[in-house]
Amino acid sequence: MSQIVWIARHGNRLDFVNLEWFNTAQRRYDPPLSADGVIQARDLGKRLSTENIAHIFSSPFLRAIQTANEIAEILDLPIKLEAGLSEWFNSHWMNATPETHPQEFLQQEYPRIDWSYTSRIIPQYPENEEKMMERTGETAKILVQEFSEDLLLVGHGASVLGTTKGLVGGNPQINASLCCLVKIVRNNNIWEMLLNGDTSHLTQTEKIVRFN
């Protein structure tokens, strides 16, 4: 059996560009993409436009949804929201379970979301690094067992690391920069990483990798 899993991190986020945004935001832990983050997401969509991706799964955080939406528009695919791909529920970053945007807002702004899909894994706050890696890795394993076609998983720096490790095993060193792309191929039930956090498709890249 052959299958390709593409794993991507979201584009640049507004609170990375405007540090004051966090102080007045209603949902501090769910920032949107910045203007250049939208450009990065479109670059990623163009990169994937010729690939045979059948399903797009996205973290339910807005920056991941917006990244997935730019890709979905190019590939003409729905988006499945998978909470197992969520940001790391790190108590040093967040003081409670992070609030994401409500379904009513998402339905209006992002009609490509497939609301018939239900998340296979729900993260629990707080998480240490081990629990986060276990949660994201198990999510990737569940999705490739359930969906045999080529998949795209859109998440966060932490979930890029966890999903990749969950499939290829070991302790791979991943470049999980903004809007990076990991390519993992399964042949005869052996997973091999062919792209490691590639950013060659981006017209705008970051110099320092940030996770929170």
N, C-alpha and C. Protein backbone atom coordinates (compact mmCIF):
# COMPACT_ATOMS: atom_id res chain seq x y z
N MET A 1 0.84 -1.20 0.00
CA MET A 1 0.00 0.00 0.00
C MET A 1 0.88 1.25 0.00
N SER A 2 0.53 2.20 -0.85
CA SER A 2 1.27 3.46 -0.92
C SER A 2 0.35 4.61 -0.54
N GLN A 3 0.86 5.52 0.25
CA GLN A 3 0.08 6.68 0.69
C GLN A 3 1.04 7.81 1.01
N ILE A 4 0.62 9.04 0.72
CA ILE A 4 1.42 10.21 1.06
C ILE A 4 0.66 11.04 2.09
N VAL A 5 1.35 11.42 3.14
CA VAL A 5 0.80 12.34 4.13
C VAL A 5 1.64 13.61 4.11
N TRP A 6 0.99 14.71 3.82
CA TRP A 6 1.62 16.03 3.86
C TRP A 6 1.26 16.68 5.20
N ILE A 7 2.24 17.25 5.87
CA ILE A 7 2.01 17.89 7.16
C ILE A 7 2.53 19.33 7.06
N ALA A 8 1.67 20.28 7.42
CA ALA A 8 2.04 21.70 7.28
C ALA A 8 1.74 22.46 8.57
N ARG A 9 2.57 23.45 8.85
CA ARG A 9 2.28 24.38 9.92
C ARG A 9 1.54 25.59 9.34
N HIS A 10 0.74 26.24 10.15
CA HIS A 10 0.02 27.44 9.72
C HIS A 10 1.00 28.56 9.33
N GLY A 11 0.49 29.57 8.64
CA GLY A 11 1.30 30.74 8.27
C GLY A 11 1.51 31.68 9.45
N ASN A 12 2.19 32.75 9.19
CA ASN A 12 2.50 33.73 10.24
C ASN A 12 1.21 34.23 10.89
N ARG A 13 1.27 34.48 12.20
CA ARG A 13 0.09 34.84 12.97
C ARG A 13 0.15 36.29 13.40
N LEU A 14 -1.03 36.87 13.57
CA LEU A 14 -1.13 38.31 13.81
C LEU A 14 -0.38 38.74 15.07
N ASP A 15 -0.43 37.91 16.13
CA ASP A 15 0.23 38.32 17.37
C ASP A 15 1.75 38.21 17.30
N PHE A 16 2.28 37.56 16.27
CA PHE A 16 3.73 37.59 16.04
C PHE A 16 4.15 38.91 15.40
N VAL A 17 3.20 39.53 14.68
CA VAL A 17 3.48 40.78 13.97
C VAL A 17 3.10 41.98 14.83
N ASN A 18 1.96 41.89 15.49
CA ASN A 18 1.46 42.96 16.36
C ASN A 18 1.40 42.44 17.79
N LEU A 19 2.43 42.69 18.57
CA LEU A 19 2.54 42.13 19.91
C LEU A 19 1.46 42.65 20.84
N GLU A 20 0.88 43.83 20.54
CA GLU A 20 -0.16 44.40 21.39
C GLU A 20 -1.50 43.72 21.20
N TRP A 21 -1.66 42.98 20.11
CA TRP A 21 -2.95 42.33 19.83
C TRP A 21 -3.40 41.46 20.99
N PHE A 22 -2.48 40.74 21.59
CA PHE A 22 -2.80 39.80 22.66
C PHE A 22 -3.47 40.48 23.85
N ASN A 23 -3.09 41.71 24.14
CA ASN A 23 -3.56 42.40 25.34
C ASN A 23 -5.04 42.78 25.28
N THR A 24 -5.59 42.91 24.09
CA THR A 24 -6.99 43.35 23.95
C THR A 24 -7.88 42.32 23.25
N ALA A 25 -7.31 41.19 22.85
CA ALA A 25 -8.07 40.22 22.07
C ALA A 25 -9.10 39.48 22.92
N GLN A 26 -10.25 39.19 22.34
CA GLN A 26 -11.28 38.43 23.04
C GLN A 26 -10.86 36.98 23.22
N ARG A 27 -10.20 36.43 22.20
CA ARG A 27 -9.71 35.05 22.26
C ARG A 27 -8.19 35.08 22.06
N ARG A 28 -7.49 35.29 23.16
CA ARG A 28 -6.06 35.55 23.11
C ARG A 28 -5.25 34.43 22.45
N TYR A 29 -5.73 33.19 22.61
CA TYR A 29 -4.94 32.06 22.14
C TYR A 29 -5.38 31.57 20.76
N ASP A 30 -6.23 32.35 20.11
CA ASP A 30 -6.73 31.96 18.79
C ASP A 30 -6.58 33.10 17.79
N PRO A 31 -5.35 33.58 17.58
CA PRO A 31 -5.15 34.69 16.66
C PRO A 31 -5.34 34.27 15.21
N PRO A 32 -5.70 35.22 14.35
CA PRO A 32 -5.77 34.95 12.92
C PRO A 32 -4.38 35.03 12.29
N LEU A 33 -4.32 34.72 11.03
CA LEU A 33 -3.09 34.94 10.26
C LEU A 33 -2.83 36.42 10.10
N SER A 34 -1.57 36.78 10.01
CA SER A 34 -1.19 38.12 9.61
C SER A 34 -1.32 38.23 8.08
N ALA A 35 -1.16 39.42 7.55
CA ALA A 35 -1.26 39.60 6.09
C ALA A 35 -0.23 38.75 5.36
N ASP A 36 1.00 38.71 5.87
CA ASP A 36 2.01 37.89 5.20
C ASP A 36 1.76 36.41 5.43
N GLY A 37 1.06 36.07 6.52
CA GLY A 37 0.69 34.68 6.75
C GLY A 37 -0.29 34.17 5.71
N VAL A 38 -1.20 35.04 5.28
CA VAL A 38 -2.13 34.67 4.21
C VAL A 38 -1.38 34.41 2.92
N ILE A 39 -0.39 35.24 2.63
CA ILE A 39 0.44 35.04 1.44
C ILE A 39 1.17 33.71 1.52
N GLN A 40 1.71 33.40 2.70
CA GLN A 40 2.40 32.12 2.88
C GLN A 40 1.44 30.95 2.63
N ALA A 41 0.22 31.05 3.14
CA ALA A 41 -0.76 29.98 2.95
C ALA A 41 -1.09 29.79 1.47
N ARG A 42 -1.20 30.89 0.75
CA ARG A 42 -1.46 30.78 -0.69
C ARG A 42 -0.29 30.17 -1.42
N ASP A 43 0.92 30.54 -1.01
CA ASP A 43 2.12 29.92 -1.60
C ASP A 43 2.09 28.41 -1.38
N LEU A 44 1.71 28.00 -0.19
CA LEU A 44 1.64 26.58 0.13
C LEU A 44 0.58 25.89 -0.72
N GLY A 45 -0.56 26.55 -0.89
CA GLY A 45 -1.61 25.99 -1.74
C GLY A 45 -1.15 25.79 -3.17
N LYS A 46 -0.42 26.76 -3.69
CA LYS A 46 0.11 26.63 -5.06
C LYS A 46 1.08 25.46 -5.14
N ARG A 47 1.90 25.31 -4.10
CA ARG A 47 2.87 24.20 -4.08
C ARG A 47 2.15 22.86 -4.14
N LEU A 48 1.00 22.76 -3.48
CA LEU A 48 0.28 21.49 -3.38
C LEU A 48 -0.76 21.29 -4.49
N SER A 49 -0.87 22.25 -5.39
CA SER A 49 -1.96 22.23 -6.37
C SER A 49 -1.91 21.04 -7.32
N THR A 50 -0.74 20.49 -7.54
CA THR A 50 -0.61 19.36 -8.46
C THR A 50 -0.53 18.01 -7.74
N GLU A 51 -0.66 18.02 -6.44
CA GLU A 51 -0.60 16.78 -5.67
C GLU A 51 -1.98 16.13 -5.60
N ASN A 52 -1.98 14.85 -5.31
CA ASN A 52 -3.23 14.06 -5.33
C ASN A 52 -3.84 13.97 -3.93
N ILE A 53 -3.99 15.10 -3.27
CA ILE A 53 -4.53 15.13 -1.92
C ILE A 53 -6.05 14.95 -1.96
N ALA A 54 -6.55 14.03 -1.14
CA ALA A 54 -7.98 13.73 -1.13
C ALA A 54 -8.70 14.31 0.09
N HIS A 55 -7.98 14.53 1.19
CA HIS A 55 -8.60 15.01 2.42
C HIS A 55 -7.69 16.05 3.08
N ILE A 56 -8.29 17.13 3.56
CA ILE A 56 -7.58 18.15 4.33
C ILE A 56 -8.11 18.14 5.75
N PHE A 57 -7.22 17.94 6.70
CA PHE A 57 -7.56 18.00 8.12
C PHE A 57 -6.86 19.21 8.73
N SER A 58 -7.58 19.94 9.56
CA SER A 58 -7.01 21.15 10.15
C SER A 58 -7.26 21.17 11.65
N SER A 59 -6.29 21.70 12.37
CA SER A 59 -6.51 22.10 13.76
C SER A 59 -7.69 23.07 13.80
N PRO A 60 -8.48 23.08 14.89
CA PRO A 60 -9.61 24.01 14.99
C PRO A 60 -9.23 25.44 15.36
N PHE A 61 -7.94 25.72 15.51
CA PHE A 61 -7.51 27.09 15.79
C PHE A 61 -7.56 27.91 14.49
N LEU A 62 -7.94 29.18 14.61
CA LEU A 62 -8.25 30.01 13.45
C LEU A 62 -7.09 30.09 12.47
N ARG A 63 -5.87 30.26 12.96
CA ARG A 63 -4.72 30.41 12.06
C ARG A 63 -4.51 29.16 11.20
N ALA A 64 -4.80 27.99 11.76
CA ALA A 64 -4.69 26.76 10.98
C ALA A 64 -5.85 26.65 9.99
N ILE A 65 -7.06 27.00 10.44
CA ILE A 65 -8.21 26.95 9.53
C ILE A 65 -8.00 27.89 8.35
N GLN A 66 -7.51 29.09 8.61
CA GLN A 66 -7.28 30.05 7.52
C GLN A 66 -6.21 29.54 6.56
N THR A 67 -5.19 28.91 7.08
CA THR A 67 -4.16 28.32 6.22
C THR A 67 -4.76 27.20 5.38
N ALA A 68 -5.49 26.30 6.03
CA ALA A 68 -6.13 25.20 5.32
C ALA A 68 -7.12 25.70 4.28
N ASN A 69 -7.82 26.79 4.60
CA ASN A 69 -8.82 27.32 3.68
C ASN A 69 -8.20 27.83 2.38
N GLU A 70 -7.05 28.50 2.50
CA GLU A 70 -6.37 28.97 1.29
C GLU A 70 -5.99 27.79 0.40
N ILE A 71 -5.55 26.71 1.02
CA ILE A 71 -5.18 25.51 0.27
C ILE A 71 -6.43 24.84 -0.31
N ALA A 72 -7.48 24.74 0.51
CA ALA A 72 -8.72 24.10 0.07
C ALA A 72 -9.35 24.82 -1.11
N GLU A 73 -9.23 26.14 -1.14
CA GLU A 73 -9.76 26.90 -2.27
C GLU A 73 -9.05 26.52 -3.57
N ILE A 74 -7.75 26.30 -3.48
CA ILE A 74 -6.98 25.93 -4.67
C ILE A 74 -7.24 24.48 -5.07
N LEU A 75 -7.34 23.59 -4.08
CA LEU A 75 -7.54 22.17 -4.37
C LEU A 75 -9.02 21.81 -4.54
N ASP A 76 -9.92 22.74 -4.20
CA ASP A 76 -11.36 22.51 -4.26
C ASP A 76 -11.76 21.30 -3.41
N LEU A 77 -11.40 21.39 -2.12
CA LEU A 77 -11.69 20.31 -1.18
C LEU A 77 -12.33 20.87 0.08
N PRO A 78 -13.09 20.05 0.80
CA PRO A 78 -13.59 20.47 2.11
C PRO A 78 -12.49 20.40 3.16
N ILE A 79 -12.77 20.96 4.33
CA ILE A 79 -11.83 20.95 5.45
C ILE A 79 -12.47 20.21 6.61
N LYS A 80 -11.77 19.25 7.15
CA LYS A 80 -12.22 18.52 8.33
C LYS A 80 -11.47 19.05 9.55
N LEU A 81 -12.19 19.53 10.54
CA LEU A 81 -11.55 20.05 11.75
C LEU A 81 -11.26 18.89 12.70
N GLU A 82 -9.97 18.73 13.01
CA GLU A 82 -9.52 17.64 13.88
C GLU A 82 -8.81 18.22 15.10
N ALA A 83 -9.48 18.11 16.25
CA ALA A 83 -8.92 18.68 17.48
C ALA A 83 -7.61 18.01 17.90
N GLY A 84 -7.39 16.79 17.44
CA GLY A 84 -6.14 16.12 17.75
C GLY A 84 -4.92 16.81 17.18
N LEU A 85 -5.13 17.71 16.21
CA LEU A 85 -4.03 18.48 15.62
C LEU A 85 -3.85 19.83 16.29
N SER A 86 -4.56 20.07 17.39
CA SER A 86 -4.55 21.37 18.05
C SER A 86 -3.16 21.77 18.56
N GLU A 87 -3.07 23.06 18.88
CA GLU A 87 -1.89 23.60 19.53
C GLU A 87 -1.61 22.84 20.82
N TRP A 88 -0.37 22.86 21.27
CA TRP A 88 0.03 22.28 22.55
C TRP A 88 -0.67 23.04 23.67
N PHE A 89 -1.43 22.34 24.49
CA PHE A 89 -2.12 22.95 25.63
C PHE A 89 -1.15 23.09 26.80
N ASN A 90 -0.20 23.97 26.61
CA ASN A 90 0.92 24.16 27.52
C ASN A 90 0.54 25.21 28.58
N SER A 91 0.57 24.84 29.85
CA SER A 91 0.15 25.75 30.90
C SER A 91 1.09 26.94 31.05
N HIS A 92 2.30 26.84 30.50
CA HIS A 92 3.22 27.98 30.52
C HIS A 92 2.85 29.01 29.44
N TRP A 93 2.10 28.59 28.43
CA TRP A 93 1.64 29.49 27.37
C TRP A 93 0.23 29.98 27.62
N MET A 94 -0.61 29.11 28.21
CA MET A 94 -2.04 29.38 28.36
C MET A 94 -2.44 29.18 29.82
N ASN A 95 -3.32 30.01 30.33
CA ASN A 95 -3.72 29.87 31.73
C ASN A 95 -5.01 29.07 31.89
N ALA A 96 -5.55 28.56 30.78
CA ALA A 96 -6.76 27.74 30.81
C ALA A 96 -6.92 27.09 29.44
N THR A 97 -7.93 26.23 29.33
CA THR A 97 -8.24 25.65 28.03
C THR A 97 -8.49 26.78 27.03
N PRO A 98 -7.76 26.81 25.91
CA PRO A 98 -7.90 27.95 24.99
C PRO A 98 -9.28 27.99 24.32
N GLU A 99 -9.84 29.20 24.24
CA GLU A 99 -11.12 29.39 23.57
C GLU A 99 -10.89 29.63 22.09
N THR A 100 -11.53 28.84 21.25
CA THR A 100 -11.45 29.04 19.80
C THR A 100 -12.72 29.71 19.30
N HIS A 101 -12.72 30.10 18.04
CA HIS A 101 -13.87 30.80 17.49
C HIS A 101 -15.07 29.86 17.38
N PRO A 102 -16.29 30.39 17.60
CA PRO A 102 -17.49 29.55 17.63
C PRO A 102 -17.89 29.05 16.25
N GLN A 103 -18.66 27.98 16.25
CA GLN A 103 -19.09 27.36 15.00
C GLN A 103 -19.87 28.34 14.13
N GLU A 104 -20.69 29.20 14.73
CA GLU A 104 -21.50 30.14 13.94
C GLU A 104 -20.60 31.04 13.10
N PHE A 105 -19.54 31.54 13.69
CA PHE A 105 -18.60 32.38 12.96
C PHE A 105 -17.91 31.60 11.86
N LEU A 106 -17.44 30.41 12.20
CA LEU A 106 -16.71 29.61 11.22
C LEU A 106 -17.60 29.18 10.06
N GLN A 107 -18.85 28.86 10.35
CA GLN A 107 -19.78 28.48 9.28
C GLN A 107 -19.96 29.61 8.28
N GLN A 108 -20.05 30.82 8.79
CA GLN A 108 -20.26 31.97 7.92
C GLN A 108 -19.02 32.32 7.12
N GLU A 109 -17.85 32.28 7.77
CA GLU A 109 -16.62 32.72 7.12
C GLU A 109 -15.93 31.64 6.30
N TYR A 110 -16.12 30.38 6.67
CA TYR A 110 -15.37 29.29 6.03
C TYR A 110 -16.32 28.15 5.67
N PRO A 111 -17.11 28.35 4.60
CA PRO A 111 -18.11 27.35 4.22
C PRO A 111 -17.53 26.02 3.76
N ARG A 112 -16.22 25.96 3.56
CA ARG A 112 -15.62 24.69 3.16
C ARG A 112 -15.47 23.71 4.33
N ILE A 113 -15.69 24.16 5.54
CA ILE A 113 -15.59 23.25 6.68
C ILE A 113 -16.71 22.22 6.62
N ASP A 114 -16.33 20.96 6.77
CA ASP A 114 -17.27 19.84 6.76
C ASP A 114 -17.69 19.55 8.20
N TRP A 115 -18.89 20.01 8.56
CA TRP A 115 -19.35 19.86 9.94
C TRP A 115 -19.88 18.47 10.25
N SER A 116 -19.93 17.60 9.26
CA SER A 116 -20.33 16.21 9.51
C SER A 116 -19.18 15.40 10.10
N TYR A 117 -17.96 15.92 9.99
CA TYR A 117 -16.80 15.23 10.55
C TYR A 117 -16.65 15.58 12.02
N THR A 118 -16.35 14.58 12.83
CA THR A 118 -16.11 14.80 14.26
C THR A 118 -14.68 14.39 14.60
N SER A 119 -14.05 15.16 15.46
CA SER A 119 -12.66 14.91 15.83
C SER A 119 -12.50 13.52 16.43
N ARG A 120 -11.41 12.88 16.07
CA ARG A 120 -11.12 11.54 16.59
C ARG A 120 -10.45 11.60 17.96
N ILE A 121 -9.75 12.71 18.25
CA ILE A 121 -9.10 12.88 19.55
C ILE A 121 -9.36 14.30 20.05
N ILE A 122 -9.66 14.43 21.33
CA ILE A 122 -9.88 15.73 21.95
C ILE A 122 -8.78 15.95 23.00
N PRO A 123 -7.96 17.00 22.86
CA PRO A 123 -6.90 17.25 23.84
C PRO A 123 -7.47 17.72 25.18
N GLN A 124 -6.74 17.45 26.23
CA GLN A 124 -7.14 17.86 27.57
C GLN A 124 -6.10 18.81 28.14
N TYR A 125 -6.57 19.92 28.71
CA TYR A 125 -5.68 20.90 29.34
C TYR A 125 -5.47 20.51 30.81
N PRO A 126 -4.23 20.65 31.32
CA PRO A 126 -3.00 21.02 30.61
C PRO A 126 -2.28 19.78 30.08
N GLU A 127 -1.37 20.00 29.16
CA GLU A 127 -0.56 18.91 28.60
C GLU A 127 0.92 19.19 28.83
N ASN A 128 1.66 18.18 29.23
CA ASN A 128 3.11 18.30 29.16
C ASN A 128 3.55 17.91 27.76
N GLU A 129 4.83 18.03 27.48
CA GLU A 129 5.31 17.75 26.12
C GLU A 129 5.06 16.30 25.73
N GLU A 130 5.25 15.39 26.66
CA GLU A 130 5.05 13.97 26.36
C GLU A 130 3.61 13.69 25.95
N LYS A 131 2.64 14.27 26.68
CA LYS A 131 1.24 14.06 26.35
C LYS A 131 0.88 14.67 25.00
N MET A 132 1.43 15.85 24.72
CA MET A 132 1.17 16.50 23.43
C MET A 132 1.69 15.64 22.28
N MET A 133 2.91 15.13 22.41
CA MET A 133 3.49 14.31 21.35
C MET A 133 2.69 13.02 21.18
N GLU A 134 2.27 12.45 22.28
CA GLU A 134 1.46 11.23 22.22
C GLU A 134 0.13 11.51 21.53
N ARG A 135 -0.52 12.62 21.89
CA ARG A 135 -1.83 12.97 21.33
C ARG A 135 -1.75 13.23 19.82
N THR A 136 -0.79 14.02 19.39
CA THR A 136 -0.69 14.34 17.96
C THR A 136 -0.23 13.14 17.15
N GLY A 137 0.68 12.35 17.72
CA GLY A 137 1.13 11.16 17.02
C GLY A 137 0.01 10.15 16.85
N GLU A 138 -0.79 9.97 17.88
CA GLU A 138 -1.91 9.04 17.80
C GLU A 138 -2.96 9.53 16.81
N THR A 139 -3.15 10.83 16.73
CA THR A 139 -4.08 11.40 15.74
C THR A 139 -3.66 11.02 14.33
N ALA A 140 -2.39 11.21 14.03
CA ALA A 140 -1.90 10.86 12.69
C ALA A 140 -2.11 9.38 12.39
N LYS A 141 -1.85 8.52 13.36
CA LYS A 141 -2.01 7.08 13.15
C LYS A 141 -3.47 6.72 12.89
N ILE A 142 -4.37 7.34 13.64
CA ILE A 142 -5.80 7.07 13.44
C ILE A 142 -6.25 7.51 12.05
N LEU A 143 -5.81 8.68 11.62
CA LEU A 143 -6.27 9.21 10.33
C LEU A 143 -5.77 8.37 9.17
N VAL A 144 -4.52 7.90 9.21
CA VAL A 144 -4.02 7.10 8.09
C VAL A 144 -4.64 5.71 8.08
N GLN A 145 -5.11 5.23 9.22
CA GLN A 145 -5.80 3.95 9.25
C GLN A 145 -7.21 4.07 8.68
N GLU A 146 -7.83 5.22 8.95
CA GLU A 146 -9.22 5.41 8.53
C GLU A 146 -9.34 5.91 7.09
N PHE A 147 -8.38 6.72 6.64
CA PHE A 147 -8.41 7.31 5.30
C PHE A 147 -7.17 6.84 4.53
N SER A 148 -7.39 6.07 3.49
CA SER A 148 -6.27 5.44 2.77
C SER A 148 -5.70 6.33 1.67
N GLU A 149 -6.40 7.41 1.32
CA GLU A 149 -5.90 8.29 0.26
C GLU A 149 -4.81 9.22 0.80
N ASP A 150 -4.28 10.07 -0.08
CA ASP A 150 -3.27 11.05 0.33
C ASP A 150 -3.94 12.13 1.18
N LEU A 151 -3.27 12.51 2.28
CA LEU A 151 -3.85 13.44 3.25
C LEU A 151 -2.96 14.66 3.44
N LEU A 152 -3.61 15.77 3.84
CA LEU A 152 -2.90 16.95 4.29
C LEU A 152 -3.35 17.26 5.70
N LEU A 153 -2.39 17.37 6.63
CA LEU A 153 -2.66 17.74 8.01
C LEU A 153 -2.10 19.13 8.24
N VAL A 154 -2.96 20.07 8.65
CA VAL A 154 -2.53 21.45 8.90
C VAL A 154 -2.65 21.73 10.39
N GLY A 155 -1.54 22.08 11.00
CA GLY A 155 -1.56 22.31 12.43
C GLY A 155 -0.56 23.37 12.87
N HIS A 156 0.15 23.06 13.93
CA HIS A 156 1.04 24.00 14.60
C HIS A 156 2.45 23.42 14.65
N GLY A 157 3.39 24.22 15.13
CA GLY A 157 4.75 23.71 15.22
C GLY A 157 4.81 22.42 16.02
N ALA A 158 4.13 22.41 17.17
CA ALA A 158 4.15 21.22 18.02
C ALA A 158 3.50 20.03 17.34
N SER A 159 2.38 20.25 16.66
CA SER A 159 1.69 19.12 16.03
C SER A 159 2.41 18.62 14.79
N VAL A 160 3.17 19.49 14.12
CA VAL A 160 4.02 19.02 13.02
C VAL A 160 5.04 18.02 13.56
N LEU A 161 5.65 18.36 14.68
CA LEU A 161 6.63 17.47 15.29
C LEU A 161 5.98 16.16 15.72
N GLY A 162 4.84 16.25 16.41
CA GLY A 162 4.20 15.06 16.95
C GLY A 162 3.64 14.13 15.90
N THR A 163 2.98 14.67 14.88
CA THR A 163 2.42 13.81 13.84
C THR A 163 3.51 13.14 13.02
N THR A 164 4.58 13.87 12.75
CA THR A 164 5.69 13.28 12.00
C THR A 164 6.31 12.13 12.78
N LYS A 165 6.60 12.37 14.04
CA LYS A 165 7.19 11.33 14.88
C LYS A 165 6.25 10.15 15.03
N GLY A 166 4.95 10.42 15.13
CA GLY A 166 3.98 9.35 15.27
C GLY A 166 3.99 8.39 14.10
N LEU A 167 4.28 8.90 12.91
CA LEU A 167 4.27 8.05 11.71
C LEU A 167 5.62 7.41 11.44
N VAL A 168 6.70 8.20 11.49
CA VAL A 168 8.01 7.65 11.11
C VAL A 168 8.75 7.03 12.28
N GLY A 169 8.33 7.32 13.52
CA GLY A 169 8.99 6.77 14.68
C GLY A 169 10.32 7.44 14.97
N GLY A 170 10.99 6.95 16.00
CA GLY A 170 12.29 7.50 16.35
C GLY A 170 12.17 8.91 16.90
N ASN A 171 13.21 9.69 16.69
CA ASN A 171 13.25 11.07 17.17
C ASN A 171 13.73 11.99 16.05
N PRO A 172 12.94 12.13 14.98
CA PRO A 172 13.39 12.95 13.84
C PRO A 172 13.50 14.41 14.22
N GLN A 173 14.51 15.07 13.71
CA GLN A 173 14.70 16.50 13.94
C GLN A 173 14.00 17.25 12.81
N ILE A 174 12.91 17.94 13.15
CA ILE A 174 12.06 18.56 12.14
C ILE A 174 12.22 20.06 12.16
N ASN A 175 12.32 20.66 10.97
CA ASN A 175 12.28 22.10 10.84
C ASN A 175 10.81 22.51 10.76
N ALA A 176 10.25 22.93 11.90
CA ALA A 176 8.81 23.22 11.96
C ALA A 176 8.54 24.71 11.89
N SER A 177 9.11 25.40 10.93
CA SER A 177 8.91 26.83 10.79
C SER A 177 7.55 27.12 10.14
N LEU A 178 7.17 28.39 10.11
CA LEU A 178 5.87 28.78 9.61
C LEU A 178 5.63 28.33 8.18
N CYS A 179 4.48 27.74 7.96
CA CYS A 179 4.05 27.26 6.64
C CYS A 179 5.04 26.28 6.01
N CYS A 180 5.75 25.55 6.86
CA CYS A 180 6.66 24.52 6.35
C CYS A 180 5.85 23.32 5.87
N LEU A 181 6.52 22.43 5.17
CA LEU A 181 5.87 21.27 4.59
C LEU A 181 6.72 20.03 4.84
N VAL A 182 6.09 19.03 5.45
CA VAL A 182 6.70 17.71 5.63
C VAL A 182 5.98 16.74 4.71
N LYS A 183 6.75 15.89 4.05
CA LYS A 183 6.17 14.86 3.18
C LYS A 183 6.60 13.49 3.69
N ILE A 184 5.60 12.66 3.99
CA ILE A 184 5.87 11.31 4.48
C ILE A 184 5.17 10.32 3.57
N VAL A 185 5.90 9.31 3.12
CA VAL A 185 5.36 8.33 2.18
C VAL A 185 5.37 6.95 2.81
N ARG A 186 4.25 6.25 2.64
CA ARG A 186 4.17 4.87 3.13
C ARG A 186 4.26 3.91 1.95
N ASN A 187 5.17 2.99 2.04
CA ASN A 187 5.29 1.90 1.09
C ASN A 187 5.43 0.61 1.88
N ASN A 188 4.47 -0.32 1.67
CA ASN A 188 4.49 -1.60 2.38
C ASN A 188 4.56 -1.41 3.89
N ASN A 189 3.75 -0.45 4.36
CA ASN A 189 3.61 -0.18 5.80
C ASN A 189 4.87 0.36 6.45
N ILE A 190 5.79 0.86 5.66
CA ILE A 190 6.97 1.53 6.19
C ILE A 190 6.89 3.00 5.78
N TRP A 191 6.95 3.89 6.79
CA TRP A 191 6.85 5.32 6.54
C TRP A 191 8.24 5.94 6.41
N GLU A 192 8.41 6.76 5.38
CA GLU A 192 9.69 7.44 5.15
C GLU A 192 9.44 8.93 4.93
N MET A 193 10.22 9.77 5.61
CA MET A 193 10.09 11.21 5.44
C MET A 193 10.94 11.66 4.25
N LEU A 194 10.30 12.26 3.25
CA LEU A 194 10.99 12.71 2.04
C LEU A 194 11.21 14.22 2.00
N LEU A 195 10.40 14.97 2.74
CA LEU A 195 10.62 16.41 2.90
C LEU A 195 10.58 16.73 4.38
N ASN A 196 11.54 17.51 4.85
CA ASN A 196 11.65 17.84 6.27
C ASN A 196 11.49 19.34 6.46
N GLY A 197 10.26 19.76 6.72
CA GLY A 197 10.01 21.17 6.98
C GLY A 197 10.41 22.08 5.84
N ASP A 198 10.13 21.67 4.63
CA ASP A 198 10.52 22.44 3.45
C ASP A 198 9.79 23.79 3.39
N THR A 199 10.51 24.84 3.06
CA THR A 199 9.91 26.17 2.89
C THR A 199 10.28 26.79 1.53
N SER A 200 10.74 25.96 0.61
CA SER A 200 11.18 26.50 -0.68
C SER A 200 10.04 27.09 -1.49
N HIS A 201 8.80 26.78 -1.12
CA HIS A 201 7.63 27.31 -1.84
C HIS A 201 7.26 28.72 -1.38
N LEU A 202 7.86 29.20 -0.30
CA LEU A 202 7.46 30.48 0.29
C LEU A 202 8.22 31.66 -0.30
N THR A 203 7.49 32.74 -0.53
CA THR A 203 8.12 33.99 -0.94
C THR A 203 8.56 34.80 0.28
N GLN A 204 7.99 34.47 1.47
CA GLN A 204 8.35 35.15 2.71
C GLN A 204 8.57 34.10 3.79
N THR A 205 9.75 34.08 4.39
CA THR A 205 10.06 33.10 5.42
C THR A 205 10.55 33.78 6.68
N GLU A 206 10.52 33.07 7.79
CA GLU A 206 10.98 33.61 9.05
C GLU A 206 12.45 33.24 9.28
N LYS A 207 13.15 34.06 10.02
CA LYS A 207 14.56 33.80 10.31
C LYS A 207 14.73 33.05 11.61
N ILE A 208 13.80 33.21 12.56
CA ILE A 208 13.85 32.52 13.84
C ILE A 208 12.54 31.76 14.02
N VAL A 209 12.62 30.46 14.26
CA VAL A 209 11.43 29.66 14.43
C VAL A 209 10.83 29.90 15.81
N ARG A 210 9.56 30.31 15.85
CA ARG A 210 8.84 30.56 17.10
C ARG A 210 7.67 29.61 17.23
N PHE A 211 7.39 29.21 18.47
CA PHE A 211 6.33 28.24 18.71
C PHE A 211 5.17 28.81 19.51
N ASN A 212 5.33 29.92 20.20
CA ASN A 212 4.22 30.46 20.98
C ASN A 212 4.29 31.97 21.02
